[in-house]
Protein backbone atom coordinates (compact mmCIF):
# COMPACT_ATOMS: atom_id res chain seq x y z
CA ALA A 1 -0.95 -0.03 -0.08
CA LEU A 2 2.54 2.88 0.70
CA THR A 3 3.57 2.00 -3.23
CA PHE A 4 2.28 4.87 -4.26
CA ILE A 5 2.91 7.45 -0.50
CA HIS A 6 5.54 9.54 -1.34
CA PRO A 7 8.52 9.09 1.27
CA GLU A 8 7.99 11.98 3.22
CA VAL A 9 4.16 11.96 2.83
CA GLU A 10 2.38 13.99 5.44
CA TRP A 11 -0.79 12.10 7.14
CA HIS A 12 -4.07 13.88 9.34
CA ARG A 13 -5.71 12.15 10.66
CA ALA A 14 -9.32 12.37 10.18
CA PHE A 15 -10.49 11.71 14.06
CA HIS A 16 -9.12 10.91 17.47
CA LEU A 17 -9.92 7.68 18.52
CA PRO A 18 -9.27 6.77 21.89
CA GLY A 19 -6.34 4.91 22.38
CA VAL A 20 -4.53 5.09 19.37
CA THR A 21 -1.29 7.67 19.57
CA PRO A 22 -3.92 10.27 21.53
CA GLU A 23 -1.07 12.95 21.10
CA LYS A 24 -0.64 13.15 16.85
CA ALA A 25 -2.46 14.90 14.52
CA VAL A 26 -0.02 14.51 11.93
CA PHE A 27 2.06 11.42 10.79
CA HIS A 28 5.35 12.25 9.41
CA GLY A 29 6.94 9.41 6.75
CA HIS A 30 6.35 5.44 6.22
CA GLU A 31 6.19 4.11 9.46
CA GLU A 32 4.26 6.96 11.19
CA VAL A 33 1.76 5.59 8.29
CA ARG A 34 2.71 2.45 8.96
CA GLN A 35 1.92 2.55 12.97
CA LEU A 36 -1.34 4.72 12.15
CA TRP A 37 -2.45 2.01 10.65
CA ARG A 38 -1.98 -0.91 11.67
CA GLU A 39 -3.72 1.72 15.45
CA TRP A 40 -6.53 2.31 13.10
CA ARG A 41 -6.85 -1.68 12.38
CA SER A 42 -6.73 -2.77 16.12
CA VAL A 43 -9.80 -0.39 16.85
CA TRP A 44 -12.01 -1.57 13.61
CA ASP A 45 -13.43 -4.94 12.85
CA GLU A 46 -14.28 -4.40 9.32
CA ILE A 47 -13.23 -1.03 7.98
CA SER A 48 -13.70 0.87 4.88
CA VAL A 49 -13.24 4.07 3.13
CA GLN A 50 -15.07 4.91 -0.64
CA ILE A 51 -14.55 7.88 -2.72
CA GLU A 52 -17.90 9.28 -3.88
CA GLU A 53 -16.69 11.70 -6.02
CA VAL A 54 -13.58 13.74 -7.41
CA ILE A 55 -13.91 17.30 -7.33
CA HIS A 56 -10.93 19.13 -8.49
CA ASP A 57 -8.12 17.06 -10.07
CA ALA A 58 -5.74 19.34 -11.73
CA ASP A 59 -2.01 20.70 -10.79
CA ASP A 60 -1.13 17.19 -8.02
CA VAL A 61 -3.67 18.22 -6.32
CA VAL A 62 -6.91 16.40 -5.66
CA VAL A 63 -10.24 16.83 -3.79
CA ALA A 64 -12.67 13.99 -2.88
CA ARG A 65 -15.37 13.18 -1.08
CA THR A 66 -15.90 9.99 0.68
CA HIS A 67 -17.56 7.53 3.26
CA PHE A 68 -15.98 6.13 5.70
CA ARG A 69 -17.72 3.20 7.21
CA ALA A 70 -16.34 1.16 9.76
CA ARG A 71 -17.31 -1.51 12.61
CA GLY A 72 -15.94 -0.89 16.42
CA ALA A 73 -14.25 -4.06 17.68
CA GLY A 74 -15.40 -5.67 20.00
CA SER A 75 -18.71 -3.68 20.80
CA GLY A 76 -19.97 -4.17 17.14
CA ALA A 77 -20.75 -0.45 16.84
CA PRO A 78 -20.90 0.84 13.16
CA VAL A 79 -19.39 3.74 11.94
CA GLU A 80 -20.31 6.37 9.28
CA ARG A 81 -19.19 10.01 8.59
CA SER A 82 -18.06 11.62 4.52
CA PHE A 83 -15.17 13.55 4.91
CA PHE A 84 -13.30 16.13 2.36
CA TYR A 85 -9.22 14.94 1.72
CA VAL A 86 -7.48 17.17 -0.23
CA MET A 87 -4.20 15.49 -1.23
CA ASN A 88 -1.00 16.62 -2.79
CA PHE A 89 1.07 14.59 -5.03
CA ARG A 90 5.12 14.34 -5.73
CA ASP A 91 5.97 12.63 -8.22
CA GLY A 92 3.57 10.79 -9.03
CA LYS A 93 2.41 9.66 -5.45
CA LEU A 94 0.93 11.19 -2.67
CA ILE A 95 3.07 13.50 0.16
CA ARG A 96 -0.26 14.93 2.20
CA SER A 97 -3.40 13.75 3.39
CA ARG A 98 -5.81 16.60 5.14
CA PRO A 99 -8.89 15.39 6.19
CA PHE A 100 -11.75 18.76 6.36
CA GLU A 101 -15.24 17.74 7.03
CA ASP A 102 -16.81 21.21 5.19
CA LEU A 103 -16.36 21.02 0.45
CA ALA A 104 -15.52 24.71 1.25
CA GLU A 105 -12.17 24.36 3.81
CA ALA A 106 -11.56 21.67 1.53
CA ARG A 107 -11.77 23.79 -1.10
CA GLN A 108 -9.54 26.56 0.65
CA ALA A 109 -7.21 25.01 1.87
CA ALA A 110 -6.68 23.58 -1.75
CA GLY A 111 -5.99 27.39 -3.13
CA LEU A 112 -9.15 26.77 -5.04
CA ASP A 113 -11.36 29.20 -5.51
CA ASP A 114 -14.49 29.22 -5.12
CA GLU A 115 -17.14 28.94 -8.49
């Protein structure tokens, strides 16, 4: 999975979960991202993130609406949330991933003018 992620990646966590690296909101490099994914997988029995719509894809910047679905490990509690991700690419690899709950915030973070 890290094949398409730049070694200097900056990965912003979408939301905080108890027991999942509480002191960090931003993860740098492959090893920190691996650790985040390991911790996330440990708290979910099922997890998926689907891209619902690509809003912008140009100049090494992608803005997409995504839908997160998961079922809590142990509790079985279902979780569903939508986010807008701003993803920046360098040399064809993901260099930064930032989630936003609001499209206007995502567009502003991506440096896009309001349409």
